[in-house]
C-alpha cells in the first residue's frame, strides 16, 4: 500500500507541470459540470481543493448529484460539508484496491455541526470513509451507503479524481444510524429500563459503541438474574458504559488474544476464531464498521456483562481450538498387548543387571517428565497471559491520520450567494 502511494505521488509529481488543477479538471468533464458549479459556489471549499496536497477527490457524476439534490433537498451548509466529505486526505489510486482492504481514510470533513471525529496530528482531518472492494472498488459511507468508481485516476495538480456513481452520505448520530440500519432490537433495548443512552455519549468524540441486536440479547435482558444484577442506576450506567470504548475502533483493530478497556474501566476479551469471526467476550460480532457521527458502531449478538468476562467455548473434535489457539488431540488408546515369546529364562546375575538398568532408565524417564512438566507450565502461563487478554489492543493510525497531507484550515463554509433549492437543482442544466 505504501509503495503504491509513493509511486502514485511520484507520477503525480512528474506530471504536475502538465496536469490541470482540480477545478479545471472538473470543468473539462461534462458529467462533472454540476459538482464543479457547486464547488464554485463555495469559495472556501474551492480554495481548499486548490491548496490541498496529495488528495483524492471522489467526484459524484451529474446523475448522482441530481438524484441527491432531488431526494435529499440539502441545505447550503450540508452541500458544503458533503463536498468536503468527498475530499480524502491521501492519494488513493485504483491500483491500491488490493488484498489489504478494507481501510478507513480520513477526509476533510471536520465541521462540528456534522461530525465529532477528529484525526491527524493536529486534528485537521475529520470523518472517515471506508475503502473496500467487492467485485469492484467501493467507498462506503454513512448507513453503509455504497459508491462505485465510474471513471478512475484522473490526474490533476497534487492529487487525483475518481468519478463515482453515488453521493457519499455523511454519517449520522447513533440513534439515526441504528434506525436506518434497522437495528430494531438494539433500539428497543435502548428504550427499556435495562439500557438508557446518555446524551454525553452522543457528543463524545472518537468513540466506539457495541450494539447488541439479536433475539439472544432480548432473552438476556428478560432474565431475572440479569435484572437483579442491574437493578439500579449505578449498575445500569456501568452496564451501558461497558458497551462503549473511548477510542475509534474499526474491525481490523480486533486482534485475537488481546483486550479492550471500556468506558466502565473493565476490559473486554477479543477472540478471532479460525474462520475470521470476531468475538467480544462470548458475544459474536455480527455487523462491523458502521461509521457514525462521533465514531464507529459494531453490532453484537448478546449483551456484554461486566460480571461475566470470559471467552467463547469454541471446542471442536480432533485438533481442538479455543479461538485460533490449537491444542493437539490426545490418544489414550493403549497399544495391543504383544504376544509373549517362549524363553528359557535368565540367570540371577542377568536379572540383577536388568533390574539396575530398569531403575536407571526409570529415573531418567522421571527426570525427563519433570523437565517437560516445568517447561510446559511456563509455556502454559505464557499462553494464559495471551488468552486472558493481558495485551491491550493497539490502535494504529488510519490512512490520512498521520499529518503527512495538510488541509488548509478555513472558516465555516458559506456559499458565495444564497441559492434557493429550485435554483440548485438547475445547476448544470442547459
Protein backbone atom coordinates (compact mmCIF):
# COMPACT_ATOMS: atom_id res chain seq x y z
CA UNK A 1 0.00 0.00 0.00
CA UNK A 2 2.77 2.47 0.94
CA UNK A 3 4.76 1.61 -2.18
CA UNK A 4 1.73 2.17 -4.38
CA UNK A 5 1.05 5.53 -2.76
CA UNK A 6 4.69 6.58 -3.17
CA UNK A 7 4.61 5.53 -6.81
CA UNK A 8 1.43 7.48 -7.46
CA UNK A 9 2.86 10.50 -5.65
CA UNK A 10 5.90 10.26 -7.93
CA UNK A 11 3.74 10.00 -11.04
CA UNK A 12 1.64 12.96 -9.88
CA UNK A 13 4.78 14.99 -9.19
CA UNK A 14 6.37 14.40 -12.60
CA UNK A 15 3.11 15.11 -14.41
CA UNK A 16 2.12 18.14 -12.30
CA UNK A 17 3.60 20.53 -14.83
CA UNK A 18 1.19 19.20 -17.43
CA UNK A 19 -1.73 18.41 -15.14
CA UNK A 20 -4.53 20.88 -14.59
CA UNK A 21 -5.72 21.99 -11.19
CA UNK A 22 -8.76 20.25 -9.83
CA UNK A 23 -11.23 22.99 -10.77
CA UNK A 24 -10.04 22.94 -14.40
CA UNK A 25 -10.17 19.13 -14.44
CA UNK A 26 -13.75 19.07 -13.16
CA UNK A 27 -14.78 21.71 -15.68
CA UNK A 28 -13.36 19.64 -18.54
CA UNK A 29 -15.73 16.70 -17.89
CA UNK A 30 -19.37 17.31 -18.95
CA UNK A 31 -20.62 14.77 -16.41
CA UNK A 32 -18.99 16.83 -13.62
CA UNK A 33 -20.49 20.20 -14.53
CA UNK A 34 -22.89 20.12 -11.57
CA UNK A 35 -20.30 19.28 -8.91
CA UNK A 36 -17.98 21.87 -10.49
CA UNK A 37 -20.71 24.51 -10.21
CA UNK A 38 -21.38 23.58 -6.59
CA UNK A 39 -17.70 23.90 -5.65
CA UNK A 40 -17.50 27.26 -7.39
CA UNK A 41 -20.47 28.44 -5.27
CA UNK A 42 -18.42 27.88 -2.08
CA UNK A 43 -15.19 29.96 -2.25
CA UNK A 44 -13.76 28.38 0.91
CA UNK A 45 -14.28 24.87 -0.48
CA UNK A 46 -12.84 25.86 -3.83
CA UNK A 47 -9.78 27.34 -2.13
CA UNK A 48 -9.32 24.23 -0.02
CA UNK A 49 -9.49 21.97 -3.07
CA UNK A 50 -6.91 24.04 -4.93
CA UNK A 51 -4.49 24.28 -1.98
CA UNK A 52 -4.63 20.68 -0.71
CA UNK A 53 -1.70 18.34 -1.32
CA UNK A 54 -1.78 14.61 -2.10
CA UNK A 55 -5.57 14.29 -2.04
CA UNK A 56 -8.19 12.11 -3.71
CA UNK A 57 -11.47 13.72 -4.69
CA UNK A 58 -14.46 11.43 -5.18
CA UNK A 59 -16.44 13.44 -7.71
CA UNK A 60 -20.12 12.44 -7.96
CA UNK A 61 -21.39 12.23 -11.53
CA UNK A 62 -24.08 14.59 -12.81
CA UNK A 63 -26.75 11.91 -12.37
CA UNK A 64 -25.58 11.26 -8.80
CA UNK A 65 -25.71 14.96 -7.91
CA UNK A 66 -29.17 15.39 -9.48
CA UNK A 67 -30.57 12.39 -7.60
CA UNK A 68 -29.11 13.61 -4.31
CA UNK A 69 -30.42 17.16 -4.68
CA UNK A 70 -33.89 15.99 -5.66
CA UNK A 71 -34.28 13.34 -2.97
CA UNK A 72 -32.46 14.98 -0.04
CA UNK A 73 -33.06 18.71 -0.59
CA UNK A 74 -29.86 19.52 1.34
CA UNK A 75 -29.26 22.91 2.92
CA UNK A 76 -26.43 25.15 1.78
CA UNK A 77 -24.29 24.14 4.76
CA UNK A 78 -24.95 20.44 4.12
CA UNK A 79 -23.86 20.83 0.49
CA UNK A 80 -20.59 22.40 1.62
CA UNK A 81 -19.99 19.73 4.26
CA UNK A 82 -20.79 16.96 1.78
CA UNK A 83 -18.28 18.32 -0.74
CA UNK A 84 -15.60 18.28 1.96
CA UNK A 85 -16.54 14.68 2.86
CA UNK A 86 -15.60 13.68 -0.70
CA UNK A 87 -12.06 15.04 -0.32
CA UNK A 88 -9.82 12.25 1.02
CA UNK A 89 -6.62 13.08 2.87
CA UNK A 90 -4.43 10.71 0.83
CA UNK A 91 -3.78 9.90 -2.80
CA UNK A 92 -5.67 6.63 -3.25
CA UNK A 93 -5.41 5.31 -6.84
CA UNK A 94 -7.47 2.44 -8.20
CA UNK A 95 -4.30 0.30 -8.20
CA UNK A 96 -4.34 0.43 -4.38
CA UNK A 97 -7.54 -1.61 -4.16
CA UNK A 98 -5.84 -4.84 -3.13
CA UNK A 99 -5.93 -7.61 -0.52
CA UNK A 100 -5.19 -5.26 2.41
CA UNK A 101 -8.70 -3.80 2.23
CA UNK A 102 -10.79 -2.58 3.92
CA UNK A 103 -9.06 0.58 5.06
CA UNK A 104 -10.56 3.73 6.54
CA UNK A 105 -9.44 7.02 5.08
CA UNK A 106 -9.74 10.40 6.79
CA UNK A 107 -11.49 13.21 4.92
CA UNK A 108 -11.61 17.00 5.04
CA UNK A 109 -14.98 16.95 6.84
CA UNK A 110 -14.23 18.29 10.32
CA UNK A 111 -17.18 20.68 10.73
CA UNK A 112 -18.50 20.12 14.25
CA UNK A 113 -22.10 20.53 13.08
CA UNK A 114 -21.70 17.30 11.11
CA UNK A 115 -19.03 15.22 12.80
CA UNK A 116 -17.31 14.75 16.12
CA UNK A 117 -14.45 12.68 14.75
CA UNK A 118 -11.00 14.24 14.67
CA UNK A 119 -7.87 12.79 13.13
CA UNK A 120 -4.42 13.84 12.05
CA UNK A 121 -1.56 15.12 14.17
CA UNK A 122 -3.30 18.45 14.69
CA UNK A 123 -6.90 17.34 14.34
CA UNK A 124 -7.03 18.89 10.89
CA UNK A 125 -8.89 15.96 9.37
CA UNK A 126 -12.25 14.56 10.27
CA UNK A 127 -14.79 11.91 9.39
CA UNK A 128 -13.77 8.66 7.71
CA UNK A 129 -14.77 6.80 4.55
CA UNK A 130 -14.37 3.03 4.24
CA UNK A 131 -12.46 1.93 1.13
CA UNK A 132 -13.20 -1.66 0.14
CA UNK A 133 -13.63 -3.97 -2.81
CA UNK A 134 -16.33 -6.48 -3.65
CA UNK A 135 -16.48 -7.28 -7.35
CA UNK A 136 -15.16 -3.74 -7.92
CA UNK A 137 -13.80 -0.89 -5.78
CA UNK A 138 -16.36 0.63 -3.43
CA UNK A 139 -16.45 3.56 -1.00
CA UNK A 140 -18.75 3.02 2.00
CA UNK A 141 -20.08 5.97 3.98
CA UNK A 142 -22.94 6.63 6.43
CA UNK A 143 -25.68 3.99 6.69
CA UNK A 144 -23.42 1.65 4.68
CA UNK A 145 -24.19 3.68 1.56
CA UNK A 146 -22.05 2.47 -1.35
CA UNK A 147 -20.41 4.46 -4.14
CA UNK A 148 -18.53 2.86 -7.03
CA UNK A 149 -15.98 4.28 -9.44
CA UNK A 150 -17.21 5.10 -12.94
CA UNK A 151 -14.01 6.72 -14.24
CA UNK A 152 -10.79 6.23 -12.21
CA UNK A 153 -7.48 8.00 -11.77
CA UNK A 154 -7.91 11.41 -13.38
CA UNK A 155 -4.63 13.14 -12.55
CA UNK A 156 -4.68 16.79 -11.53
CA UNK A 157 -2.23 19.05 -9.77
CA UNK A 158 -1.21 17.43 -6.44
CA UNK A 159 -3.90 14.76 -6.47
CA UNK A 160 -6.27 12.50 -8.36
CA UNK A 161 -10.00 12.36 -9.05
CA UNK A 162 -12.32 9.36 -9.28
CA UNK A 163 -15.78 9.90 -10.76
CA UNK A 164 -18.29 7.96 -8.63
CA UNK A 165 -21.91 6.92 -9.17
CA UNK A 166 -23.42 7.92 -5.82
CA UNK A 167 -23.00 10.82 -3.39
CA UNK A 168 -21.35 9.81 -0.12
CA UNK A 169 -23.69 10.02 2.86
CA UNK A 170 -22.46 11.97 5.88
CA UNK A 171 -22.73 9.63 8.91
CA UNK A 172 -25.49 10.43 11.41
CA UNK A 173 -25.69 10.10 15.20
CA UNK A 174 -26.00 6.63 16.67
CA UNK A 175 -29.80 6.58 17.03
CA UNK A 176 -30.38 7.79 13.47
CA UNK A 177 -27.79 5.35 12.13
CA UNK A 178 -29.23 2.42 14.13
CA UNK A 179 -32.73 3.24 12.89
CA UNK A 180 -31.58 3.45 9.28
CA UNK A 181 -29.74 0.14 9.70
CA UNK A 182 -32.94 -1.49 11.09
CA UNK A 183 -31.29 -2.45 14.38
CA UNK A 184 -34.72 -2.80 15.95
CA UNK A 185 -33.66 -4.95 18.90
CA UNK A 186 -30.90 -2.52 19.86
CA UNK A 187 -33.32 0.41 19.65
CA UNK A 188 -35.83 -1.47 21.81
CA UNK A 189 -33.12 -2.19 24.37
CA UNK A 190 -32.24 1.48 24.49
CA UNK A 191 -35.87 2.30 25.19
CA UNK A 192 -36.17 -0.13 28.12
CA UNK A 193 -35.08 0.29 31.71
CA UNK A 194 -32.22 -2.11 31.03
CA UNK A 195 -30.44 0.43 28.82
CA UNK A 196 -30.50 4.21 28.80
CA UNK A 197 -28.49 6.25 26.35
CA UNK A 198 -26.70 9.26 27.80
CA UNK A 199 -26.67 12.47 25.81
CA UNK A 200 -22.98 12.97 26.53
CA UNK A 201 -22.23 9.73 24.68
CA UNK A 202 -23.78 11.15 21.52
CA UNK A 203 -21.48 14.15 21.72
CA UNK A 204 -18.32 12.41 22.96
CA UNK A 205 -15.68 12.38 20.19
CA UNK A 206 -13.92 9.37 18.72
CA UNK A 207 -15.78 6.55 20.44
CA UNK A 208 -16.86 3.02 19.54
CA UNK A 209 -20.26 1.62 20.51
CA UNK A 210 -21.01 -2.10 20.72
CA UNK A 211 -24.70 -2.56 19.89
CA UNK A 212 -26.50 -5.78 20.97
CA UNK A 213 -29.07 -6.68 18.32
CA UNK A 214 -30.49 -10.22 18.36
CA UNK A 215 -33.10 -12.44 19.97
CA UNK A 216 -30.32 -13.66 22.27
CA UNK A 217 -29.92 -10.10 23.60
CA UNK A 218 -33.66 -9.82 24.19
CA UNK A 219 -33.67 -13.14 26.07
CA UNK A 220 -30.75 -11.98 28.21
CA UNK A 221 -32.49 -8.72 29.09
CA UNK A 222 -35.60 -10.67 30.17
CA UNK A 223 -33.77 -12.97 32.59
CA UNK A 224 -34.46 -12.49 36.28
CA UNK A 225 -30.80 -12.78 37.28
CA UNK A 226 -29.87 -10.12 34.71
CA UNK A 227 -32.47 -7.70 36.01
CA UNK A 228 -31.45 -8.37 39.61
CA UNK A 229 -27.78 -7.70 38.76
CA UNK A 230 -28.56 -4.38 37.06
CA UNK A 231 -31.44 -3.14 39.15
CA UNK A 232 -30.28 0.40 39.91
CA UNK A 233 -28.96 3.41 38.05
CA UNK A 234 -25.36 2.79 39.12
CA UNK A 235 -25.17 -0.75 37.75
CA UNK A 236 -27.17 0.20 34.66
CA UNK A 237 -24.78 3.02 33.92
CA UNK A 238 -21.84 0.65 34.33
CA UNK A 239 -23.54 -1.84 32.00
CA UNK A 240 -24.07 0.79 29.32
CA UNK A 241 -20.51 2.09 29.67
CA UNK A 242 -19.26 -1.47 29.26
CA UNK A 243 -20.50 -1.21 25.66
CA UNK A 244 -18.50 1.95 24.95
CA UNK A 245 -14.82 2.16 24.04
CA UNK A 246 -13.28 5.60 24.26
CA UNK A 247 -11.21 5.10 21.13
CA UNK A 248 -12.16 4.85 17.48
CA UNK A 249 -12.01 1.10 16.79
CA UNK A 250 -12.53 -0.38 13.34
CA UNK A 251 -12.78 -4.13 12.76
CA UNK A 252 -9.13 -4.59 11.76
CA UNK A 253 -8.14 -3.45 15.27
CA UNK A 254 -9.71 -6.59 16.77
CA UNK A 255 -6.76 -8.97 17.23
CA UNK A 256 -7.04 -12.43 18.75
CA UNK A 257 -5.84 -12.73 22.34
CA UNK A 258 -5.97 -9.00 23.08
CA UNK A 259 -8.32 -6.92 25.17
CA UNK A 260 -10.13 -3.58 25.07
CA UNK A 261 -10.67 -1.26 28.01
CA UNK A 262 -14.21 0.13 28.09
CA UNK A 263 -15.59 3.37 29.46
CA UNK A 264 -16.60 1.39 32.55
CA UNK A 265 -12.90 0.74 33.19
CA UNK A 266 -13.41 -3.01 32.71
CA UNK A 267 -11.79 -4.99 29.92
CA UNK A 268 -13.41 -6.92 27.08
CA UNK A 269 -11.61 -10.00 25.77
CA UNK A 270 -11.12 -10.22 22.00
CA UNK A 271 -11.15 -13.57 20.21
CA UNK A 272 -10.82 -14.11 16.45
CA UNK A 273 -11.55 -17.71 15.54
CA UNK A 274 -10.14 -19.72 12.65
CA UNK A 275 -12.97 -18.65 10.34
CA UNK A 276 -12.26 -14.96 10.97
CA UNK A 277 -15.33 -14.39 13.15
CA UNK A 278 -14.79 -11.83 15.92
CA UNK A 279 -15.96 -12.46 19.49
CA UNK A 280 -16.05 -9.92 22.31
CA UNK A 281 -16.20 -11.97 25.50
CA UNK A 282 -18.87 -14.50 24.45
CA UNK A 283 -20.76 -12.18 22.10
CA UNK A 284 -20.22 -12.57 18.36
CA UNK A 285 -19.74 -9.50 16.17
CA UNK A 286 -22.47 -9.77 13.52
CA UNK A 287 -22.15 -6.33 11.89
CA UNK A 288 -18.91 -4.39 11.50
CA UNK A 289 -17.78 -0.85 10.86
CA UNK A 290 -20.89 1.30 10.91
CA UNK A 291 -19.48 4.83 10.67
CA UNK A 292 -21.39 7.20 12.95
CA UNK A 293 -21.08 10.94 13.55
CA UNK A 294 -18.78 10.57 16.54
CA UNK A 295 -17.03 7.29 15.82
CA UNK A 296 -17.90 3.71 14.91
CA UNK A 297 -20.51 1.10 15.82
CA UNK A 298 -20.28 -2.69 15.72
CA UNK A 299 -23.29 -4.98 16.14
CA UNK A 300 -23.03 -7.93 18.56
CA UNK A 301 -25.43 -10.79 19.23
CA UNK A 302 -25.67 -10.52 23.03
CA UNK A 303 -25.39 -8.05 25.88
CA UNK A 304 -21.90 -7.81 27.35
CA UNK A 305 -21.94 -8.29 31.11
CA UNK A 306 -19.07 -6.94 33.23
CA UNK A 307 -19.73 -9.69 35.78
CA UNK A 308 -19.20 -12.42 33.16
CA UNK A 309 -15.88 -11.86 31.38
CA UNK A 310 -14.84 -14.98 29.51
CA UNK A 311 -14.02 -16.22 26.05
CA UNK A 312 -16.38 -18.27 23.87
CA UNK A 313 -16.26 -22.07 24.05
CA UNK A 314 -15.20 -23.00 20.54
CA UNK A 315 -14.00 -26.52 21.30
CA UNK A 316 -14.24 -28.98 18.41
CA UNK A 317 -13.22 -32.59 17.99
CA UNK A 318 -9.86 -33.66 16.61
CA UNK A 319 -7.48 -30.73 16.83
CA UNK A 320 -9.45 -28.79 19.44
CA UNK A 321 -9.38 -25.00 19.22
CA UNK A 322 -10.01 -22.14 21.59
CA UNK A 323 -10.22 -19.13 19.32
CA UNK A 324 -7.42 -19.87 16.89
CA UNK A 325 -5.12 -21.41 19.52
CA UNK A 326 -4.77 -25.09 18.59
CA UNK A 327 -4.33 -27.94 21.03
CA UNK A 328 -3.27 -31.38 19.68
CA UNK A 329 -5.73 -34.16 20.32
CA UNK A 330 -4.68 -36.82 22.80
CA UNK A 331 -4.89 -40.52 22.01
CA UNK A 332 -5.47 -42.54 25.19
CA UNK A 333 -5.89 -45.93 23.49
CA UNK A 334 -3.40 -48.50 24.81
CA UNK A 335 -1.27 -50.42 22.30
CA UNK A 336 -2.18 -54.04 21.67
CA UNK A 337 -0.60 -56.47 24.09
CA UNK A 338 2.38 -58.19 22.49
CA UNK A 339 2.34 -61.96 22.20
CA UNK A 340 4.55 -63.38 24.89
CA UNK A 341 7.57 -65.23 23.50
CA UNK A 342 8.81 -68.54 24.74
CA UNK A 343 12.04 -68.16 26.71
CA UNK A 344 14.15 -70.39 28.82
CA UNK A 345 14.59 -67.60 31.40
CA UNK A 346 17.60 -65.61 32.62
CA UNK A 347 20.27 -66.24 35.18
CA UNK A 348 20.21 -64.48 38.53
CA UNK A 349 23.03 -62.09 37.51
CA UNK A 350 21.21 -61.19 34.32
CA UNK A 351 18.09 -60.44 36.29
CA UNK A 352 20.02 -58.15 38.66
CA UNK A 353 21.61 -56.34 35.73
CA UNK A 354 18.23 -55.84 34.12
CA UNK A 355 16.84 -54.57 37.42
CA UNK A 356 19.58 -51.95 37.77
CA UNK A 357 19.14 -50.88 34.15
CA UNK A 358 15.41 -50.53 34.59
CA UNK A 359 15.91 -48.44 37.74
CA UNK A 360 18.33 -46.09 35.97
CA UNK A 361 16.03 -45.83 32.96
CA UNK A 362 13.10 -45.14 35.27
CA UNK A 363 14.96 -42.29 36.96
CA UNK A 364 15.86 -40.84 33.55
CA UNK A 365 12.24 -41.05 32.42
CA UNK A 366 11.03 -39.38 35.63
CA UNK A 367 13.60 -36.59 35.16
CA UNK A 368 12.50 -36.06 31.54
CA UNK A 369 8.85 -35.96 32.59
CA UNK A 370 9.63 -33.45 35.33
CA UNK A 371 11.60 -31.25 32.92
CA UNK A 372 8.79 -31.42 30.35
CA UNK A 373 6.24 -30.56 33.04
CA UNK A 374 8.19 -27.48 34.17
CA UNK A 375 8.66 -26.24 30.58
CA UNK A 376 5.01 -26.91 29.82
CA UNK A 377 3.93 -24.97 32.90
CA UNK A 378 5.97 -21.95 31.81
CA UNK A 379 4.56 -22.16 28.30
CA UNK A 380 1.03 -22.57 29.63
CA UNK A 381 1.40 -19.49 31.84
CA UNK A 382 2.57 -17.52 28.80
CA UNK A 383 -0.38 -18.82 26.75
CA UNK A 384 -2.79 -17.99 29.55
CA UNK A 385 -1.49 -14.44 29.66
CA UNK A 386 -2.32 -14.16 25.99
CA UNK A 387 -5.68 -15.92 26.30
CA UNK A 388 -6.71 -13.72 29.21
CA UNK A 389 -6.17 -10.65 27.08
CA UNK A 390 -3.46 -9.00 29.13
CA UNK A 391 -2.19 -7.33 25.96
CA UNK A 392 -4.23 -4.23 25.13
CA UNK A 393 -5.42 -3.68 21.56
CA UNK A 394 -3.03 -1.33 19.77
CA UNK A 395 -4.82 1.42 17.84
CA UNK A 396 -2.89 2.10 14.64
CA UNK A 397 -3.40 5.31 12.65
CA UNK A 398 -5.76 5.14 9.71
CA UNK A 399 -4.85 6.42 6.27
CA UNK A 400 -4.63 10.18 6.23
CA UNK A 401 -4.27 10.24 10.03
CA UNK A 402 -0.52 10.84 10.11
CA UNK A 403 -0.32 14.53 9.33
CA UNK A 404 1.50 13.97 6.03
CA UNK A 405 -1.13 15.73 3.96
CA UNK A 406 -2.29 19.04 5.32
CA UNK A 407 -5.65 20.59 4.52
CA UNK A 408 -5.72 24.37 4.91
CA UNK A 409 -7.90 25.45 7.81
CA UNK A 410 -10.79 27.61 6.66
CA UNK A 411 -13.71 29.42 8.20
CA UNK A 412 -17.13 27.70 8.35
CA UNK A 413 -18.45 27.12 4.86
CA UNK A 414 -20.72 29.74 3.39
CA UNK A 415 -21.88 29.83 -0.23
CA UNK A 416 -20.92 32.86 -2.28
CA UNK A 417 -24.59 33.62 -2.80
CA UNK A 418 -27.71 32.21 -1.21
CA UNK A 419 -29.36 29.79 -3.60
CA UNK A 420 -32.88 28.50 -3.40
CA UNK A 421 -33.31 24.75 -3.73
CA UNK A 422 -35.06 25.15 -7.05
CA UNK A 423 -32.04 27.07 -8.34
CA UNK A 424 -29.60 24.48 -7.05
CA UNK A 425 -31.48 21.75 -8.83
CA UNK A 426 -30.99 23.56 -12.10
CA UNK A 427 -27.19 23.70 -11.82
CA UNK A 428 -25.65 22.27 -14.93
CA UNK A 429 -28.95 22.35 -16.81
CA UNK A 430 -28.81 23.66 -20.38
